[in-house]
Amino acid sequence: QVQLVESGGGLVQAGASLNLSCRTSGDTICISTMAWYRQAPGKERERVATLNSGGTTVYLDSVKGRFTISRDNAKNSLYLRMNSLRAEDTALYYCRADTAYGLGPACEYGMEYWGKGTLVTVSS
């Protein structure tokens, strides 16, 4: 089992920066891929950034060059550095972790875990 807790959201003005954190606990050794998603009111949830176990990253086109996803295995945390925030970035941001078989004695492939989200509001 893996537990995820997001933090760092808040109310900021357009152009500001914000750092989001995702603290993981439980069977963290089983985690392979991690990602940040977001969902704005009345819209579908979308993937903002993905960090694969090999270190490769994938970003939503609208955040490329502004957001940076990273992880600190020693602290069991995932981060999202957001620069030059825009009003359209306003959303509830979620952390996701996927597990992979073979990383540990009790790991299962394809398990998906989500945090409860942290709210980011950008005023224009």
N, C-alpha and C. Protein backbone atom coordinates (compact mmCIF):
# COMPACT_ATOMS: atom_id res chain seq x y z
N GLN A 1 0.82 -1.19 0.00
CA GLN A 1 0.00 0.00 0.00
C GLN A 1 0.87 1.25 0.00
N VAL A 2 0.41 2.27 -0.69
CA VAL A 2 1.10 3.54 -0.77
C VAL A 2 0.13 4.65 -0.42
N GLN A 3 0.58 5.58 0.40
CA GLN A 3 -0.23 6.73 0.75
C GLN A 3 0.44 7.99 0.21
N LEU A 4 -0.38 8.91 -0.31
CA LEU A 4 0.12 10.14 -0.89
C LEU A 4 -0.58 11.33 -0.25
N VAL A 5 0.18 12.34 0.11
CA VAL A 5 -0.37 13.55 0.70
C VAL A 5 0.25 14.76 0.02
N GLU A 6 -0.58 15.56 -0.66
CA GLU A 6 -0.10 16.76 -1.33
C GLU A 6 -0.12 17.95 -0.39
N SER A 7 0.74 18.93 -0.67
CA SER A 7 0.76 20.16 0.08
C SER A 7 1.40 21.25 -0.77
N GLY A 8 1.25 22.50 -0.36
CA GLY A 8 1.88 23.61 -1.05
C GLY A 8 0.95 24.48 -1.85
N GLY A 9 -0.30 24.09 -2.00
CA GLY A 9 -1.24 24.90 -2.75
C GLY A 9 -1.58 26.18 -2.02
N GLY A 10 -2.19 27.11 -2.75
CA GLY A 10 -2.56 28.37 -2.14
C GLY A 10 -3.08 29.35 -3.17
N LEU A 11 -3.30 30.57 -2.73
CA LEU A 11 -3.77 31.65 -3.59
C LEU A 11 -2.61 32.57 -3.92
N VAL A 12 -2.33 32.73 -5.22
CA VAL A 12 -1.24 33.58 -5.67
C VAL A 12 -1.69 34.41 -6.86
N GLN A 13 -0.91 35.44 -7.16
CA GLN A 13 -1.19 36.29 -8.31
C GLN A 13 -0.53 35.74 -9.56
N ALA A 14 -1.08 36.09 -10.70
CA ALA A 14 -0.49 35.67 -11.97
C ALA A 14 0.95 36.13 -12.04
N GLY A 15 1.82 35.24 -12.54
CA GLY A 15 3.23 35.54 -12.64
C GLY A 15 4.04 35.02 -11.47
N ALA A 16 3.37 34.64 -10.41
CA ALA A 16 4.06 34.14 -9.23
C ALA A 16 4.49 32.69 -9.40
N SER A 17 5.27 32.22 -8.45
CA SER A 17 5.74 30.83 -8.45
C SER A 17 5.20 30.11 -7.23
N LEU A 18 5.11 28.80 -7.34
CA LEU A 18 4.60 27.99 -6.26
C LEU A 18 5.23 26.60 -6.33
N ASN A 19 5.50 26.02 -5.17
CA ASN A 19 6.06 24.69 -5.11
C ASN A 19 5.08 23.73 -4.46
N LEU A 20 4.76 22.65 -5.15
CA LEU A 20 3.89 21.63 -4.62
C LEU A 20 4.72 20.42 -4.20
N SER A 21 4.30 19.78 -3.13
CA SER A 21 4.99 18.60 -2.64
C SER A 21 4.01 17.45 -2.49
N CYS A 22 4.51 16.25 -2.71
CA CYS A 22 3.71 15.05 -2.54
C CYS A 22 4.52 14.09 -1.67
N ARG A 23 4.10 13.94 -0.45
CA ARG A 23 4.78 13.06 0.49
C ARG A 23 4.23 11.65 0.36
N THR A 24 5.11 10.69 0.18
CA THR A 24 4.69 9.30 0.05
C THR A 24 5.07 8.50 1.29
N SER A 25 4.29 7.48 1.56
CA SER A 25 4.57 6.60 2.69
C SER A 25 4.03 5.22 2.37
N GLY A 26 4.39 4.25 3.19
CA GLY A 26 3.97 2.88 2.94
C GLY A 26 5.04 2.14 2.14
N ASP A 27 4.62 1.38 1.15
CA ASP A 27 5.54 0.60 0.33
C ASP A 27 6.13 1.45 -0.79
N THR A 28 6.87 2.45 -0.40
CA THR A 28 7.43 3.39 -1.39
C THR A 28 8.42 2.73 -2.34
N ILE A 29 9.01 1.63 -1.94
CA ILE A 29 9.96 0.94 -2.80
C ILE A 29 9.27 0.40 -4.05
N CYS A 30 7.96 0.23 -3.99
CA CYS A 30 7.20 -0.30 -5.11
C CYS A 30 6.88 0.75 -6.18
N ILE A 31 7.09 2.01 -5.88
CA ILE A 31 6.73 3.08 -6.80
C ILE A 31 7.67 3.14 -8.00
N SER A 32 7.07 3.17 -9.18
CA SER A 32 7.82 3.28 -10.42
C SER A 32 7.63 4.66 -11.02
N THR A 33 6.45 4.90 -11.58
CA THR A 33 6.15 6.17 -12.21
C THR A 33 5.31 7.06 -11.29
N MET A 34 5.61 8.35 -11.29
CA MET A 34 4.83 9.31 -10.53
C MET A 34 4.42 10.45 -11.45
N ALA A 35 3.33 11.11 -11.09
CA ALA A 35 2.82 12.17 -11.94
C ALA A 35 1.98 13.16 -11.16
N TRP A 36 1.82 14.33 -11.75
CA TRP A 36 0.92 15.35 -11.24
C TRP A 36 -0.23 15.53 -12.22
N TYR A 37 -1.44 15.56 -11.69
CA TYR A 37 -2.64 15.81 -12.46
C TYR A 37 -3.33 17.03 -11.88
N ARG A 38 -4.25 17.59 -12.65
CA ARG A 38 -5.03 18.70 -12.13
C ARG A 38 -6.44 18.66 -12.71
N GLN A 39 -7.37 19.24 -11.99
CA GLN A 39 -8.74 19.31 -12.45
C GLN A 39 -9.35 20.64 -12.05
N ALA A 40 -9.77 21.40 -13.04
CA ALA A 40 -10.42 22.67 -12.82
C ALA A 40 -11.92 22.46 -12.78
N PRO A 41 -12.67 23.35 -12.15
CA PRO A 41 -14.12 23.22 -12.07
C PRO A 41 -14.76 23.10 -13.45
N GLY A 42 -15.59 22.09 -13.62
CA GLY A 42 -16.28 21.89 -14.88
C GLY A 42 -15.44 21.29 -16.00
N LYS A 43 -14.21 20.91 -15.70
CA LYS A 43 -13.33 20.33 -16.70
C LYS A 43 -12.86 18.95 -16.29
N GLU A 44 -12.36 18.19 -17.27
CA GLU A 44 -11.84 16.86 -16.99
C GLU A 44 -10.46 16.94 -16.36
N ARG A 45 -10.13 15.90 -15.61
CA ARG A 45 -8.80 15.82 -15.03
C ARG A 45 -7.78 15.61 -16.14
N GLU A 46 -6.66 16.32 -16.07
CA GLU A 46 -5.62 16.21 -17.07
C GLU A 46 -4.26 15.99 -16.44
N ARG A 47 -3.40 15.30 -17.16
CA ARG A 47 -2.05 15.04 -16.67
C ARG A 47 -1.18 16.26 -16.92
N VAL A 48 -0.56 16.75 -15.88
CA VAL A 48 0.29 17.92 -15.96
C VAL A 48 1.73 17.54 -16.26
N ALA A 49 2.25 16.57 -15.53
CA ALA A 49 3.64 16.16 -15.70
C ALA A 49 3.83 14.73 -15.20
N THR A 50 4.70 14.00 -15.87
CA THR A 50 5.00 12.62 -15.51
C THR A 50 6.50 12.45 -15.34
N LEU A 51 6.90 11.71 -14.33
CA LEU A 51 8.30 11.39 -14.12
C LEU A 51 8.41 9.88 -14.05
N ASN A 52 9.03 9.29 -15.05
CA ASN A 52 9.19 7.85 -15.11
C ASN A 52 10.38 7.40 -14.27
N SER A 53 10.40 6.11 -13.96
CA SER A 53 11.46 5.57 -13.12
C SER A 53 12.84 5.76 -13.72
N GLY A 54 12.91 5.80 -15.04
CA GLY A 54 14.19 6.00 -15.71
C GLY A 54 14.67 7.44 -15.72
N GLY A 55 13.85 8.34 -15.20
CA GLY A 55 14.22 9.74 -15.14
C GLY A 55 13.65 10.62 -16.24
N THR A 56 12.99 10.02 -17.22
CA THR A 56 12.40 10.81 -18.30
C THR A 56 11.16 11.53 -17.80
N THR A 57 10.86 12.65 -18.42
CA THR A 57 9.70 13.44 -18.03
C THR A 57 8.84 13.77 -19.24
N VAL A 58 7.55 13.97 -18.98
CA VAL A 58 6.60 14.36 -20.00
C VAL A 58 5.72 15.45 -19.41
N TYR A 59 5.53 16.53 -20.16
CA TYR A 59 4.75 17.66 -19.68
C TYR A 59 3.58 17.98 -20.59
N LEU A 60 2.53 18.50 -19.99
CA LEU A 60 1.41 19.03 -20.73
C LEU A 60 1.96 20.22 -21.52
N ASP A 61 1.55 20.36 -22.77
CA ASP A 61 2.09 21.42 -23.62
C ASP A 61 1.98 22.82 -23.00
N SER A 62 0.88 23.10 -22.35
CA SER A 62 0.66 24.43 -21.81
C SER A 62 1.54 24.77 -20.61
N VAL A 63 2.24 23.78 -20.04
CA VAL A 63 3.09 24.06 -18.89
C VAL A 63 4.57 23.87 -19.19
N LYS A 64 4.90 23.44 -20.40
CA LYS A 64 6.29 23.24 -20.77
C LYS A 64 7.08 24.54 -20.64
N GLY A 65 8.24 24.44 -20.01
CA GLY A 65 9.07 25.61 -19.81
C GLY A 65 8.73 26.39 -18.56
N ARG A 66 7.58 26.08 -17.94
CA ARG A 66 7.16 26.78 -16.74
C ARG A 66 7.15 25.88 -15.51
N PHE A 67 6.78 24.62 -15.70
CA PHE A 67 6.69 23.67 -14.59
C PHE A 67 7.84 22.66 -14.66
N THR A 68 8.27 22.19 -13.51
CA THR A 68 9.32 21.19 -13.44
C THR A 68 8.94 20.13 -12.41
N ILE A 69 8.92 18.88 -12.84
CA ILE A 69 8.62 17.78 -11.94
C ILE A 69 9.92 17.11 -11.50
N SER A 70 10.01 16.74 -10.24
CA SER A 70 11.20 16.09 -9.72
C SER A 70 10.83 15.24 -8.52
N ARG A 71 11.74 14.38 -8.12
CA ARG A 71 11.50 13.54 -6.94
C ARG A 71 12.77 13.42 -6.13
N ASP A 72 12.60 13.26 -4.83
CA ASP A 72 13.70 13.06 -3.91
C ASP A 72 13.43 11.75 -3.21
N ASN A 73 14.11 10.70 -3.64
CA ASN A 73 13.87 9.38 -3.08
C ASN A 73 14.24 9.29 -1.59
N ALA A 74 15.25 10.03 -1.19
CA ALA A 74 15.66 10.02 0.21
C ALA A 74 14.55 10.57 1.11
N LYS A 75 13.77 11.51 0.58
CA LYS A 75 12.68 12.10 1.34
C LYS A 75 11.32 11.51 0.97
N ASN A 76 11.33 10.55 0.06
CA ASN A 76 10.10 9.91 -0.39
C ASN A 76 9.07 10.93 -0.86
N SER A 77 9.54 11.91 -1.62
CA SER A 77 8.66 12.99 -2.04
C SER A 77 8.76 13.30 -3.52
N LEU A 78 7.66 13.77 -4.07
CA LEU A 78 7.57 14.23 -5.44
C LEU A 78 7.28 15.72 -5.38
N TYR A 79 7.86 16.48 -6.30
CA TYR A 79 7.68 17.93 -6.31
C TYR A 79 7.24 18.45 -7.66
N LEU A 80 6.58 19.59 -7.63
CA LEU A 80 6.22 20.29 -8.85
C LEU A 80 6.53 21.76 -8.64
N ARG A 81 7.53 22.25 -9.35
CA ARG A 81 7.88 23.66 -9.30
C ARG A 81 7.12 24.37 -10.40
N MET A 82 6.30 25.33 -10.04
CA MET A 82 5.47 26.05 -10.99
C MET A 82 5.90 27.51 -11.04
N ASN A 83 6.33 27.94 -12.20
CA ASN A 83 6.73 29.33 -12.41
C ASN A 83 5.78 30.01 -13.38
N SER A 84 5.78 31.33 -13.34
CA SER A 84 4.95 32.13 -14.26
C SER A 84 3.52 31.64 -14.31
N LEU A 85 2.93 31.49 -13.16
CA LEU A 85 1.57 30.96 -13.08
C LEU A 85 0.56 31.85 -13.77
N ARG A 86 -0.41 31.22 -14.39
CA ARG A 86 -1.49 31.90 -15.10
C ARG A 86 -2.83 31.53 -14.49
N ALA A 87 -3.83 32.33 -14.78
CA ALA A 87 -5.16 32.08 -14.25
C ALA A 87 -5.67 30.71 -14.65
N GLU A 88 -5.33 30.27 -15.86
CA GLU A 88 -5.78 28.98 -16.34
C GLU A 88 -5.11 27.80 -15.64
N ASP A 89 -4.12 28.08 -14.80
CA ASP A 89 -3.48 27.02 -14.01
C ASP A 89 -4.29 26.71 -12.75
N THR A 90 -5.30 27.50 -12.48
CA THR A 90 -6.13 27.30 -11.31
C THR A 90 -6.82 25.94 -11.38
N ALA A 91 -6.61 25.13 -10.37
CA ALA A 91 -7.17 23.79 -10.34
C ALA A 91 -6.81 23.09 -9.04
N LEU A 92 -7.41 21.94 -8.84
CA LEU A 92 -7.05 21.07 -7.73
C LEU A 92 -5.97 20.14 -8.29
N TYR A 93 -4.80 20.15 -7.68
CA TYR A 93 -3.68 19.36 -8.16
C TYR A 93 -3.54 18.07 -7.37
N TYR A 94 -3.43 16.96 -8.10
CA TYR A 94 -3.33 15.64 -7.50
C TYR A 94 -2.00 14.98 -7.79
N CYS A 95 -1.53 14.20 -6.85
CA CYS A 95 -0.33 13.40 -7.00
C CYS A 95 -0.75 11.95 -7.29
N ARG A 96 -0.06 11.30 -8.22
CA ARG A 96 -0.34 9.91 -8.56
C ARG A 96 0.94 9.11 -8.54
N ALA A 97 0.85 7.88 -8.04
CA ALA A 97 1.98 6.97 -8.01
C ALA A 97 1.54 5.62 -8.54
N ASP A 98 2.33 5.05 -9.45
CA ASP A 98 2.07 3.73 -10.00
C ASP A 98 3.16 2.79 -9.53
N THR A 99 2.78 1.55 -9.23
CA THR A 99 3.74 0.57 -8.75
C THR A 99 4.15 -0.38 -9.87
N ALA A 100 5.27 -1.05 -9.65
CA ALA A 100 5.78 -2.01 -10.61
C ALA A 100 6.22 -3.28 -9.90
N TYR A 101 5.93 -4.41 -10.51
CA TYR A 101 6.30 -5.70 -9.95
C TYR A 101 7.80 -5.88 -9.97
N GLY A 102 8.33 -6.49 -8.91
CA GLY A 102 9.75 -6.81 -8.86
C GLY A 102 10.63 -5.82 -8.13
N LEU A 103 10.10 -4.66 -7.79
CA LEU A 103 10.89 -3.66 -7.09
C LEU A 103 11.07 -4.00 -5.62
N GLY A 104 10.22 -4.86 -5.10
CA GLY A 104 10.29 -5.28 -3.72
C GLY A 104 9.53 -6.58 -3.53
N PRO A 105 9.69 -7.21 -2.38
CA PRO A 105 9.07 -8.52 -2.14
C PRO A 105 7.54 -8.53 -2.15
N ALA A 106 6.92 -7.40 -1.90
CA ALA A 106 5.45 -7.34 -1.85
C ALA A 106 4.86 -6.40 -2.88
N CYS A 107 5.61 -6.04 -3.90
CA CYS A 107 5.14 -5.10 -4.91
C CYS A 107 4.25 -5.78 -5.95
N GLU A 108 3.24 -5.06 -6.39
CA GLU A 108 2.34 -5.53 -7.43
C GLU A 108 2.38 -4.58 -8.61
N TYR A 109 2.26 -5.13 -9.79
CA TYR A 109 2.30 -4.33 -11.00
C TYR A 109 0.99 -3.62 -11.26
N GLY A 110 1.10 -2.38 -11.71
CA GLY A 110 -0.07 -1.66 -12.17
C GLY A 110 -0.99 -1.07 -11.12
N MET A 111 -0.59 -1.06 -9.87
CA MET A 111 -1.42 -0.45 -8.85
C MET A 111 -1.32 1.06 -8.96
N GLU A 112 -2.44 1.73 -8.80
CA GLU A 112 -2.53 3.17 -8.96
C GLU A 112 -3.00 3.82 -7.66
N TYR A 113 -2.25 4.80 -7.19
CA TYR A 113 -2.59 5.49 -5.95
C TYR A 113 -2.69 6.99 -6.18
N TRP A 114 -3.62 7.60 -5.46
CA TRP A 114 -3.87 9.04 -5.60
C TRP A 114 -3.92 9.72 -4.24
N GLY A 115 -3.51 10.99 -4.23
CA GLY A 115 -3.67 11.80 -3.05
C GLY A 115 -5.02 12.48 -3.11
N LYS A 116 -5.35 13.26 -2.10
CA LYS A 116 -6.64 13.95 -2.06
C LYS A 116 -6.62 15.29 -2.76
N GLY A 117 -5.43 15.79 -3.09
CA GLY A 117 -5.31 17.02 -3.84
C GLY A 117 -4.98 18.24 -3.00
N THR A 118 -4.39 19.23 -3.65
CA THR A 118 -4.10 20.52 -3.03
C THR A 118 -4.54 21.60 -4.01
N LEU A 119 -5.26 22.59 -3.51
CA LEU A 119 -5.85 23.61 -4.37
C LEU A 119 -4.89 24.74 -4.70
N VAL A 120 -4.79 25.04 -5.99
CA VAL A 120 -3.99 26.16 -6.47
C VAL A 120 -4.93 27.15 -7.15
N THR A 121 -4.93 28.38 -6.66
CA THR A 121 -5.77 29.42 -7.24
C THR A 121 -4.89 30.58 -7.67
N VAL A 122 -4.97 30.93 -8.95
CA VAL A 122 -4.16 32.01 -9.50
C VAL A 122 -5.09 33.15 -9.91
N SER A 123 -4.92 34.29 -9.29
CA SER A 123 -5.74 35.45 -9.61
C SER A 123 -5.10 36.27 -10.72
N SER A 124 -5.93 36.84 -11.57
CA SER A 124 -5.44 37.67 -12.67
C SER A 124 -5.57 39.14 -12.37
